[in-house]
Amino acid sequence: MMNNEMMRQLQTRMLKIQEDLAAQTVEASAGGGAVTVTISDIGMGPAQAKVQRVKISAEAVDPEDIETLEDLIVAAVNEALSKAQKAAADKLGPLTGGLKLPGMP
């Protein structure tokens, strides 16, 4: 069992990880860079991140083919969220010893 000192140390380490993740950004692109998404404020639970920026190159904008642009945006956002979850898992891995905790990446 964990004693109070061990719990305090664990809480301190978790707080540090949360602060590090909140300060981290990840970026992903789709369509060969036609759409780039930046994610920030990464949290430790599922879907805890903010889309900071969406950058669309002029070449990606075709009024006759909006569906492709929409698909590229979805792909870039999903890839960026996946990278954010991986960043959280990488930070938590050493702390949890590889255990999968409920609500954690």
Protein backbone atom coordinates (compact mmCIF):
# COMPACT_ATOMS: atom_id res chain seq x y z
CA MET A 1 0.00 0.00 0.00
CA MET A 2 1.02 3.59 -0.55
CA ASN A 3 1.78 5.75 2.42
CA ASN A 4 0.97 9.46 2.60
CA GLU A 5 4.44 10.53 1.46
CA MET A 6 4.27 8.29 -1.60
CA MET A 7 0.83 9.68 -2.45
CA ARG A 8 2.10 13.26 -2.17
CA GLN A 9 5.04 12.43 -4.45
CA LEU A 10 2.71 10.82 -6.97
CA GLN A 11 0.38 13.83 -6.89
CA THR A 12 3.33 16.19 -7.38
CA ARG A 13 4.56 14.19 -10.36
CA MET A 14 1.06 14.08 -11.87
CA LEU A 15 0.71 17.85 -11.50
CA LYS A 16 4.08 18.37 -13.22
CA ILE A 17 3.01 16.09 -16.09
CA GLN A 18 -0.28 17.99 -16.44
CA GLU A 19 1.60 21.30 -16.58
CA ASP A 20 4.07 19.94 -19.15
CA LEU A 21 1.27 18.63 -21.36
CA ALA A 22 -0.70 21.87 -21.11
CA ALA A 23 2.36 23.75 -22.39
CA GLN A 24 3.04 21.31 -25.25
CA THR A 25 1.75 21.64 -28.82
CA VAL A 26 1.56 19.07 -31.59
CA GLU A 27 1.03 19.59 -35.28
CA ALA A 28 -0.28 17.30 -38.01
CA SER A 29 -1.06 17.79 -41.67
CA ALA A 30 -3.02 16.09 -44.42
CA GLY A 31 -2.98 16.23 -48.18
CA GLY A 32 0.78 16.70 -48.36
CA GLY A 33 0.60 19.79 -46.17
CA ALA A 34 -2.52 21.28 -47.77
CA VAL A 35 -4.16 21.38 -44.33
CA THR A 36 -2.19 21.70 -41.08
CA VAL A 37 -3.70 21.58 -37.60
CA THR A 38 -1.99 22.60 -34.36
CA ILE A 39 -3.24 21.22 -31.03
CA SER A 40 -2.39 22.73 -27.64
CA ASP A 41 -3.46 22.50 -24.00
CA ILE A 42 -3.14 18.73 -24.04
CA GLY A 43 -4.89 17.05 -21.14
CA MET A 44 -4.58 13.57 -19.72
CA GLY A 45 -8.12 12.32 -20.34
CA PRO A 46 -9.75 11.42 -23.63
CA ALA A 47 -10.41 14.34 -25.97
CA GLN A 48 -8.73 16.88 -23.72
CA ALA A 49 -6.91 19.21 -26.08
CA LYS A 50 -7.68 22.39 -27.96
CA VAL A 51 -7.37 23.05 -31.65
CA GLN A 52 -5.13 26.08 -31.65
CA ARG A 53 -4.87 26.70 -35.38
CA VAL A 54 -6.01 25.35 -38.74
CA LYS A 55 -3.88 26.39 -41.70
CA ILE A 56 -5.19 25.81 -45.23
CA SER A 57 -3.00 26.35 -48.26
CA ALA A 58 -4.52 28.29 -51.14
CA GLU A 59 -4.10 25.28 -53.43
CA ALA A 60 -6.45 23.24 -51.21
CA VAL A 61 -9.35 25.64 -51.77
CA ASP A 62 -11.42 24.56 -54.76
CA PRO A 63 -14.99 25.90 -54.75
CA GLU A 64 -15.99 22.97 -56.95
CA ASP A 65 -14.66 20.38 -54.47
CA ILE A 66 -15.45 21.43 -50.90
CA GLU A 67 -15.77 17.77 -49.80
CA THR A 68 -12.06 17.10 -50.32
CA LEU A 69 -11.13 20.11 -48.19
CA GLU A 70 -13.53 18.97 -45.47
CA ASP A 71 -12.00 15.48 -45.55
CA LEU A 72 -8.49 16.94 -45.29
CA ILE A 73 -9.47 19.04 -42.27
CA VAL A 74 -11.00 16.02 -40.51
CA ALA A 75 -7.92 13.91 -41.29
CA ALA A 76 -5.52 16.57 -40.00
CA VAL A 77 -7.54 17.17 -36.81
CA ASN A 78 -7.76 13.45 -36.09
CA GLU A 79 -4.02 12.98 -36.67
CA ALA A 80 -3.21 15.93 -34.40
CA LEU A 81 -5.50 14.56 -31.67
CA SER A 82 -3.83 11.16 -32.02
CA LYS A 83 -0.42 12.82 -31.57
CA ALA A 84 -1.72 14.69 -28.51
CA GLN A 85 -2.95 11.43 -26.96
CA LYS A 86 0.40 9.78 -27.69
CA ALA A 87 2.22 12.70 -26.05
CA ALA A 88 0.06 12.26 -22.93
CA ALA A 89 0.63 8.51 -22.92
CA ASP A 90 4.39 8.98 -23.32
CA LYS A 91 4.46 11.34 -20.32
CA LEU A 92 2.27 9.08 -18.17
CA GLY A 93 3.95 5.79 -19.10
CA PRO A 94 6.88 6.07 -16.70
CA LEU A 95 4.57 7.17 -13.88
CA THR A 96 2.00 4.41 -14.29
CA GLY A 97 4.47 1.69 -15.19
CA GLY A 98 2.53 0.96 -18.38
CA LEU A 99 -0.77 0.37 -16.58
CA LYS A 100 -3.83 1.49 -18.47
CA LEU A 101 -5.82 3.67 -16.06
CA PRO A 102 -9.50 4.42 -16.76
CA GLY A 103 -9.94 7.76 -18.52
CA MET A 104 -6.25 8.04 -19.30
CA PRO A 105 -4.60 7.67 -22.71
